[in-house]
């Protein structure tokens, strides 16, 4: 039999999906499972989004669309980012994709040659490392432990850029998996460092930019230091803000040369975002915003509930997240202990024992580059949240 391409040997299935599949299997077997594992918003968009899709079906052209995205969709996205303070972009600066993950993969193909270096703060979204492996780039995670609130410091960034001279610096704000948000001052301090290293592309994966709590506002490097505009790429998505992960619509805004490269990639990969999906995306971006606004307030209340539960457990360290819908507690105080005779040596042991004993599914922190922690996604139905947190606390109380 002929051999597969070597890159397939570097590709790995999602660690997050592995946990989700195990939880799904146990639930199918009749177990009472509460999942804190998958990073999906678990709400649906407003009726106007579905109506736009129905209307598009009624007049479907059946034709190919634009590799970049329709003008109406691009304009809707430009209006969307202008509200964030990202002004001065045109259609030539924008391209679309089948979700933010597709955008990130195309960026890796467009910006990184084999052997090039990409750096990013750790904890990080699992896909960053996976994509780097597939394109055969050298990934250098920059450790940001709980003791520094899971945030990258300017000194760390400066040293990493000077030492590794990376082709790409990848930044995620608000963060998956930690939910941490960089303040305007923290973004500005990192931007000051980036100005000193002009040979590095900057990719900001900021798909949770509308999911901010405690009155915080979103800030981008370009707003802090406009001279970074020519090498900064902003990535966004409908998935989280609008409850549309399955619709698969992602965007980027950045230098024209990058937008053109991604559009060329689309011409070879996907051709275009489907017509019906495009109509729904336009409606989401330009229509009533009451659903995402209400859900953001709901997520902030859930964040408070989860954080209170974590802070009540002796030994658990949990920096206060201010965005997205994740909490990322350091649970290493449980290592070396046992639960009903099951020894817990690491985060994977902890999550397996928690799922088997209490029916609560969480993702081990090692999937995100931080083996002392785990990720809780609190987007489960509200009635399940309190019982799930109670089981989590009971599990800790039963450790010996």
Protein backbone atom coordinates (compact mmCIF):
# COMPACT_ATOMS: atom_id res chain seq x y z
CA UNK A 1 0.00 0.00 0.00
CA UNK A 2 1.32 3.54 -0.75
CA UNK A 3 2.23 5.66 2.25
CA UNK A 4 0.28 8.62 3.60
CA UNK A 5 1.86 12.07 3.57
CA UNK A 6 4.23 12.72 6.48
CA UNK A 7 2.13 15.67 7.67
CA UNK A 8 -0.68 13.27 8.60
CA UNK A 9 1.65 11.73 11.15
CA UNK A 10 1.98 15.18 12.72
CA UNK A 11 -1.79 15.79 12.81
CA UNK A 12 -3.54 14.91 16.07
CA UNK A 13 -7.22 14.60 16.92
CA UNK A 14 -8.60 17.23 19.28
CA UNK A 15 -8.00 16.46 22.96
CA UNK A 16 -11.14 18.44 23.76
CA UNK A 17 -13.25 16.30 21.46
CA UNK A 18 -11.80 13.14 23.04
CA UNK A 19 -13.19 14.18 26.41
CA UNK A 20 -16.51 15.12 24.84
CA UNK A 21 -16.77 11.75 23.11
CA UNK A 22 -16.10 9.87 26.34
CA UNK A 23 -18.77 11.92 28.12
CA UNK A 24 -21.18 11.31 25.26
CA UNK A 25 -20.53 7.56 25.42
CA UNK A 26 -21.18 7.43 29.17
CA UNK A 27 -24.38 9.42 28.74
CA UNK A 28 -25.55 6.99 26.05
CA UNK A 29 -24.95 4.19 28.55
CA UNK A 30 -27.39 5.84 30.94
CA UNK A 31 -24.98 7.80 33.15
CA UNK A 32 -26.02 11.19 34.49
CA UNK A 33 -23.33 13.35 32.90
CA UNK A 34 -22.80 17.09 33.27
CA UNK A 35 -20.38 18.41 30.69
CA UNK A 36 -18.06 21.34 31.36
CA UNK A 37 -15.90 20.27 28.42
CA UNK A 38 -16.93 21.70 25.05
CA UNK A 39 -16.38 25.37 24.28
CA UNK A 40 -19.70 25.98 22.56
CA UNK A 41 -22.01 28.82 23.63
CA UNK A 42 -25.14 26.59 23.85
CA UNK A 43 -27.61 29.22 22.70
CA UNK A 44 -29.20 29.91 19.35
CA UNK A 45 -29.16 33.16 17.38
CA UNK A 46 -32.17 35.42 17.09
CA UNK A 47 -35.13 34.62 14.83
CA UNK A 48 -33.99 37.24 12.31
CA UNK A 49 -30.96 35.08 11.51
CA UNK A 50 -33.13 32.09 10.63
CA UNK A 51 -35.51 34.27 8.64
CA UNK A 52 -32.60 35.59 6.60
CA UNK A 53 -31.53 32.00 5.88
CA UNK A 54 -35.07 31.06 4.84
CA UNK A 55 -35.29 34.08 2.56
CA UNK A 56 -31.96 33.17 0.99
CA UNK A 57 -33.15 29.64 0.34
CA UNK A 58 -36.24 30.98 -1.39
CA UNK A 59 -34.10 32.90 -3.88
CA UNK A 60 -31.00 30.70 -3.95
CA UNK A 61 -28.95 31.27 -7.10
CA UNK A 62 -27.18 27.92 -6.94
CA UNK A 63 -24.02 29.63 -8.19
CA UNK A 64 -20.47 29.91 -6.93
CA UNK A 65 -19.77 32.93 -4.74
CA UNK A 66 -16.81 35.22 -4.12
CA UNK A 67 -13.59 33.67 -2.80
CA UNK A 68 -13.20 36.67 -0.49
CA UNK A 69 -16.86 36.90 0.56
CA UNK A 70 -19.75 38.91 -0.82
CA UNK A 71 -19.48 42.68 -0.64
CA UNK A 72 -22.50 42.85 1.66
CA UNK A 73 -20.90 40.37 4.07
CA UNK A 74 -17.56 42.18 4.00
CA UNK A 75 -19.30 45.49 4.67
CA UNK A 76 -21.23 43.96 7.57
CA UNK A 77 -17.99 42.73 9.10
CA UNK A 78 -16.28 46.09 8.58
CA UNK A 79 -19.19 47.76 10.38
CA UNK A 80 -18.85 45.18 13.15
CA UNK A 81 -15.14 45.85 13.75
CA UNK A 82 -15.56 49.61 13.51
CA UNK A 83 -17.74 49.32 16.59
CA UNK A 84 -14.73 47.73 18.29
CA UNK A 85 -12.57 50.69 17.36
CA UNK A 86 -10.81 48.98 14.44
CA UNK A 87 -11.28 51.68 11.82
CA UNK A 88 -9.68 52.42 8.47
CA UNK A 89 -10.10 48.94 6.98
CA UNK A 90 -11.68 48.33 3.56
CA UNK A 91 -12.93 45.28 1.71
CA UNK A 92 -9.40 44.75 0.41
CA UNK A 93 -8.24 44.22 4.01
CA UNK A 94 -10.80 41.51 4.76
CA UNK A 95 -11.39 37.87 3.88
CA UNK A 96 -13.72 35.13 5.11
CA UNK A 97 -13.46 31.44 5.89
CA UNK A 98 -15.26 28.40 7.21
CA UNK A 99 -14.87 29.42 10.84
CA UNK A 100 -11.95 31.02 12.68
CA UNK A 101 -10.10 27.69 12.73
CA UNK A 102 -10.05 27.70 8.94
CA UNK A 103 -8.80 31.30 8.96
CA UNK A 104 -6.00 30.36 11.37
CA UNK A 105 -5.00 27.36 9.28
CA UNK A 106 -4.88 29.47 6.13
CA UNK A 107 -2.82 32.08 7.97
CA UNK A 108 -0.35 29.38 9.00
CA UNK A 109 -0.08 28.22 5.38
CA UNK A 110 0.27 31.81 4.18
CA UNK A 111 2.73 33.17 6.76
CA UNK A 112 4.84 30.20 7.86
CA UNK A 113 7.32 28.19 5.84
CA UNK A 114 8.56 24.84 7.13
CA UNK A 115 10.94 25.41 10.01
CA UNK A 116 9.71 28.94 10.78
CA UNK A 117 9.00 29.75 14.42
CA UNK A 118 5.68 30.75 15.93
CA UNK A 119 5.38 31.87 19.57
CA UNK A 120 2.27 32.23 21.71
CA UNK A 121 1.38 32.50 25.40
CA UNK A 122 0.66 29.28 27.27
CA UNK A 123 -2.00 28.18 28.26
CA UNK A 124 -3.15 28.21 24.66
CA UNK A 125 -5.99 26.87 22.53
CA UNK A 126 -5.05 23.33 21.49
CA UNK A 127 -5.41 24.05 17.78
CA UNK A 128 -2.45 26.45 17.80
CA UNK A 129 0.01 23.65 18.46
CA UNK A 130 -1.81 21.25 16.15
CA UNK A 131 -1.73 23.63 13.18
CA UNK A 132 1.94 24.45 13.79
CA UNK A 133 2.74 20.74 13.72
CA UNK A 134 0.85 20.17 10.47
CA UNK A 135 2.66 22.96 8.61
CA UNK A 136 5.95 21.82 10.22
CA UNK A 137 6.63 25.09 11.99
CA UNK A 138 8.50 25.31 15.27
CA UNK A 139 6.06 26.23 18.04
CA UNK A 140 7.42 27.93 21.17
CA UNK A 141 4.82 28.29 23.95
CA UNK A 142 5.60 31.04 26.46
CA UNK A 143 4.64 29.81 29.96
CA UNK A 144 2.23 32.08 31.83
CA UNK A 145 1.28 30.29 35.08
CA UNK A 146 -1.55 31.07 37.46
CA UNK A 147 0.89 33.05 39.60
CA UNK A 148 0.92 35.71 36.85
CA UNK A 149 -2.81 35.38 36.12
CA UNK A 150 -2.08 33.34 32.99
CA UNK A 151 -0.95 36.52 31.21
CA UNK A 152 2.15 37.22 29.15
CA UNK A 153 4.41 39.95 30.48
CA UNK A 154 6.22 42.51 28.29
CA UNK A 155 9.57 41.21 29.52
CA UNK A 156 8.66 37.65 28.49
CA UNK A 157 7.55 38.79 25.07
CA UNK A 158 10.66 40.91 24.52
CA UNK A 159 12.95 38.03 25.45
CA UNK A 160 11.04 35.56 23.27
CA UNK A 161 11.10 37.83 20.23
CA UNK A 162 14.78 38.61 20.67
CA UNK A 163 15.78 34.99 21.31
CA UNK A 164 13.60 33.05 18.87
CA UNK A 165 13.08 35.73 16.21
CA UNK A 166 9.70 34.22 15.32
CA UNK A 167 7.95 34.72 12.01
CA UNK A 168 4.59 34.89 13.84
CA UNK A 169 3.45 35.98 17.29
CA UNK A 170 -0.03 34.57 18.00
CA UNK A 171 -2.11 36.28 20.69
CA UNK A 172 -5.54 35.37 22.10
CA UNK A 173 -7.60 37.94 24.00
CA UNK A 174 -9.96 37.11 25.71
CA UNK A 175 -8.29 33.78 26.25
CA UNK A 176 -9.41 30.26 25.61
CA UNK A 177 -8.84 28.34 27.91
CA UNK A 178 -8.37 30.77 30.80
CA UNK A 179 -11.01 33.43 30.20
CA UNK A 180 -8.45 36.06 31.11
CA UNK A 181 -8.63 39.49 29.46
CA UNK A 182 -5.72 41.86 28.89
CA UNK A 183 -6.53 45.40 29.94
CA UNK A 184 -5.95 48.40 27.69
CA UNK A 185 -2.74 49.16 29.61
CA UNK A 186 -1.49 45.57 29.33
CA UNK A 187 -2.14 45.47 25.58
CA UNK A 188 -0.35 48.80 25.17
CA UNK A 189 2.69 47.52 27.07
CA UNK A 190 2.93 44.45 24.83
CA UNK A 191 2.42 46.62 21.75
CA UNK A 192 5.39 48.77 22.80
CA UNK A 193 7.52 45.61 22.74
CA UNK A 194 6.19 44.46 19.37
CA UNK A 195 7.17 47.76 17.76
CA UNK A 196 10.80 46.92 18.54
CA UNK A 197 10.65 43.68 16.52
CA UNK A 198 9.52 44.60 12.99
CA UNK A 199 10.16 41.22 11.36
CA UNK A 200 7.37 39.37 13.18
CA UNK A 201 3.79 39.03 11.98
CA UNK A 202 1.17 39.54 14.71
CA UNK A 203 -2.01 37.44 14.67
CA UNK A 204 -4.68 38.32 17.21
CA UNK A 205 -7.21 35.52 17.64
CA UNK A 206 -9.85 37.58 19.41
CA UNK A 207 -13.09 35.76 18.67
CA UNK A 208 -14.42 36.43 22.21
CA UNK A 209 -14.07 40.21 21.77
CA UNK A 210 -17.76 40.83 22.54
CA UNK A 211 -17.75 38.52 25.58
CA UNK A 212 -16.26 40.83 28.21
CA UNK A 213 -17.29 41.24 31.83
CA UNK A 214 -16.91 43.76 34.66
CA UNK A 215 -17.14 46.74 32.31
CA UNK A 216 -13.92 45.92 30.43
CA UNK A 217 -13.51 47.05 26.82
CA UNK A 218 -11.74 45.23 24.01
CA UNK A 219 -8.35 46.60 22.92
CA UNK A 220 -6.21 45.61 19.94
CA UNK A 221 -2.50 46.21 19.34
CA UNK A 222 -3.33 48.42 16.36
CA UNK A 223 -5.30 50.78 18.58
CA UNK A 224 -2.39 51.00 21.01
CA UNK A 225 0.33 51.43 18.37
CA UNK A 226 -1.07 52.27 14.89
CA UNK A 227 2.31 51.57 13.28
CA UNK A 228 1.63 47.85 13.88
CA UNK A 229 -1.27 47.88 11.40
CA UNK A 230 0.90 46.75 8.46
CA UNK A 231 1.74 43.44 10.13
CA UNK A 232 -1.21 42.74 12.45
CA UNK A 233 -3.99 40.33 11.47
CA UNK A 234 -7.24 40.35 13.47
CA UNK A 235 -9.28 37.11 13.51
CA UNK A 236 -12.97 36.96 14.41
CA UNK A 237 -15.90 34.56 14.17
CA UNK A 238 -19.67 34.35 14.54
CA UNK A 239 -19.45 31.14 16.57
CA UNK A 240 -19.25 32.40 20.14
CA UNK A 241 -20.83 35.86 20.10
CA UNK A 242 -23.89 34.86 18.11
CA UNK A 243 -24.38 31.23 19.15
CA UNK A 244 -23.53 30.03 15.63
CA UNK A 245 -20.60 27.58 15.90
CA UNK A 246 -22.16 25.14 13.44
CA UNK A 247 -22.70 27.81 10.79
CA UNK A 248 -18.90 28.06 10.33
CA UNK A 249 -18.19 31.68 9.48
CA UNK A 250 -14.82 33.26 10.25
CA UNK A 251 -13.22 36.55 9.29
CA UNK A 252 -9.87 38.27 9.19
CA UNK A 253 -8.90 41.92 8.85
CA UNK A 254 -5.34 42.99 8.20
CA UNK A 255 -2.85 44.03 5.55
CA UNK A 256 -4.10 43.75 1.97
CA UNK A 257 -1.36 41.29 1.06
CA UNK A 258 -2.52 38.88 3.78
CA UNK A 259 -6.20 39.22 2.90
CA UNK A 260 -5.33 38.53 -0.74
CA UNK A 261 -3.31 35.46 0.27
CA UNK A 262 -6.22 34.02 2.26
CA UNK A 263 -8.60 34.75 -0.59
CA UNK A 264 -6.28 32.80 -2.90
CA UNK A 265 -6.23 29.94 -0.41
CA UNK A 266 -10.03 29.95 -0.41
CA UNK A 267 -10.03 29.64 -4.18
CA UNK A 268 -8.14 26.37 -3.75
CA UNK A 269 -9.81 25.08 -0.57
CA UNK A 270 -13.45 26.09 -0.20
CA UNK A 271 -14.27 28.45 -3.11
CA UNK A 272 -16.69 30.46 -0.96
CA UNK A 273 -18.81 30.66 2.17
CA UNK A 274 -22.22 29.24 1.12
CA UNK A 275 -24.91 31.68 0.02
CA UNK A 276 -27.45 30.75 2.71
CA UNK A 277 -24.81 30.91 5.44
CA UNK A 278 -23.70 34.30 4.12
CA UNK A 279 -27.26 35.65 4.46
CA UNK A 280 -27.49 34.39 8.05
CA UNK A 281 -24.09 35.91 8.86
CA UNK A 282 -25.11 39.32 7.52
CA UNK A 283 -28.30 39.22 9.58
CA UNK A 284 -26.36 38.31 12.72
CA UNK A 285 -23.86 41.14 12.28
CA UNK A 286 -26.31 43.86 11.26
CA UNK A 287 -29.54 42.84 12.96
CA UNK A 288 -30.76 43.11 16.57
CA UNK A 289 -28.05 42.42 19.14
CA UNK A 290 -30.35 41.63 22.05
CA UNK A 291 -29.52 37.89 22.15
CA UNK A 292 -25.71 38.24 22.41
CA UNK A 293 -26.06 41.12 24.90
CA UNK A 294 -28.39 39.08 27.11
CA UNK A 295 -26.19 35.99 26.90
CA UNK A 296 -23.11 37.99 27.84
CA UNK A 297 -24.85 39.11 31.04
CA UNK A 298 -25.86 35.51 31.69
CA UNK A 299 -22.30 34.27 31.22
CA UNK A 300 -20.98 36.89 33.63
CA UNK A 301 -23.41 35.63 36.28
CA UNK A 302 -22.33 32.05 35.60
CA UNK A 303 -18.69 33.11 35.84
CA UNK A 304 -19.38 34.50 39.31
CA UNK A 305 -21.03 31.24 40.33
CA UNK A 306 -18.17 29.06 39.12
CA UNK A 307 -15.50 31.32 40.57
CA UNK A 308 -17.20 31.28 43.99
CA UNK A 309 -17.24 27.48 43.91
CA UNK A 310 -13.56 27.26 42.98
CA UNK A 311 -12.52 29.77 45.64
CA UNK A 312 -14.35 27.71 48.27
CA UNK A 313 -12.12 24.66 47.65
CA UNK A 314 -8.96 24.68 49.84
CA UNK A 315 -5.80 24.59 47.77
CA UNK A 316 -7.38 25.42 44.41
CA UNK A 317 -5.97 28.55 42.77
CA UNK A 318 -8.22 30.25 40.24
CA UNK A 319 -7.38 33.65 38.74
CA UNK A 320 -10.50 35.72 38.01
CA UNK A 321 -11.49 35.46 34.33
CA UNK A 322 -13.17 38.49 32.78
CA UNK A 323 -14.24 37.19 29.39
CA UNK A 324 -15.21 34.25 27.18
CA UNK A 325 -16.95 31.45 29.13
CA UNK A 326 -14.13 29.55 30.77
CA UNK A 327 -12.59 29.16 34.19
CA UNK A 328 -9.15 27.59 34.46
CA UNK A 329 -8.40 26.51 38.04
CA UNK A 330 -5.03 25.17 39.13
CA UNK A 331 -6.00 21.84 40.76
CA UNK A 332 -2.46 20.55 41.36
CA UNK A 333 -3.19 20.42 45.10
CA UNK A 334 -5.00 17.15 44.31
CA UNK A 335 -1.93 15.47 42.82
CA UNK A 336 -0.61 12.62 44.93
CA UNK A 337 -3.99 12.01 46.54
CA UNK A 338 -6.59 9.32 45.87
CA UNK A 339 -10.33 9.18 45.28
CA UNK A 340 -11.98 5.91 46.32
CA UNK A 341 -8.67 4.14 45.81
CA UNK A 342 -7.92 5.76 42.45
CA UNK A 343 -4.55 7.53 42.57
CA UNK A 344 -4.37 10.98 41.02
CA UNK A 345 -0.90 11.78 39.71
CA UNK A 346 -1.76 14.45 37.14
CA UNK A 347 -4.50 16.46 35.45
CA UNK A 348 -5.55 13.61 33.16
CA UNK A 349 -5.95 11.25 36.13
CA UNK A 350 -7.99 13.95 37.89
CA UNK A 351 -10.37 14.50 34.97
CA UNK A 352 -10.84 10.77 34.36
CA UNK A 353 -11.55 10.12 38.03
CA UNK A 354 -13.94 13.09 38.23
CA UNK A 355 -15.86 11.87 35.19
CA UNK A 356 -16.00 8.25 36.36
CA UNK A 357 -16.93 9.04 39.96
CA UNK A 358 -19.12 12.13 39.64
CA UNK A 359 -20.19 12.28 36.01
CA UNK A 360 -18.58 15.70 35.48
CA UNK A 361 -16.57 16.21 32.30
CA UNK A 362 -13.72 18.75 32.22
CA UNK A 363 -10.74 19.08 29.87
CA UNK A 364 -7.26 18.44 31.33
CA UNK A 365 -5.06 21.52 31.34
CA UNK A 366 -2.23 19.64 29.63
CA UNK A 367 -4.29 19.84 26.43
CA UNK A 368 -3.71 23.60 26.66
CA UNK A 369 -0.07 23.45 27.75
CA UNK A 370 -0.71 23.76 31.51
CA UNK A 371 -0.76 20.33 33.22
CA UNK A 372 -1.48 21.75 36.67
CA UNK A 373 -4.93 22.94 35.71
CA UNK A 374 -8.16 22.03 33.95
CA UNK A 375 -10.70 23.93 31.89
CA UNK A 376 -14.31 24.42 32.91
CA UNK A 377 -16.65 25.64 30.17
CA UNK A 378 -19.74 26.93 31.98
CA UNK A 379 -22.07 27.08 28.98
CA UNK A 380 -24.08 24.06 30.09
CA UNK A 381 -27.81 24.61 30.71
CA UNK A 382 -28.20 26.80 33.80
CA UNK A 383 -30.04 24.12 35.86
CA UNK A 384 -27.00 21.84 35.46
CA UNK A 385 -24.40 24.33 36.63
CA UNK A 386 -25.00 24.26 40.39
CA UNK A 387 -25.25 20.44 40.60
CA UNK A 388 -22.10 20.10 38.50
CA UNK A 389 -20.18 22.48 40.75
CA UNK A 390 -21.46 20.66 43.83
CA UNK A 391 -20.19 17.37 42.47
CA UNK A 392 -16.85 19.02 41.75
CA UNK A 393 -16.61 20.22 45.36
CA UNK A 394 -17.69 16.81 46.70
CA UNK A 395 -14.96 15.15 44.68
CA UNK A 396 -12.33 17.35 46.32
CA UNK A 397 -13.79 16.78 49.74
CA UNK A 398 -13.50 13.01 49.25
CA UNK A 399 -9.81 13.06 48.30
CA UNK A 400 -7.45 11.31 50.71
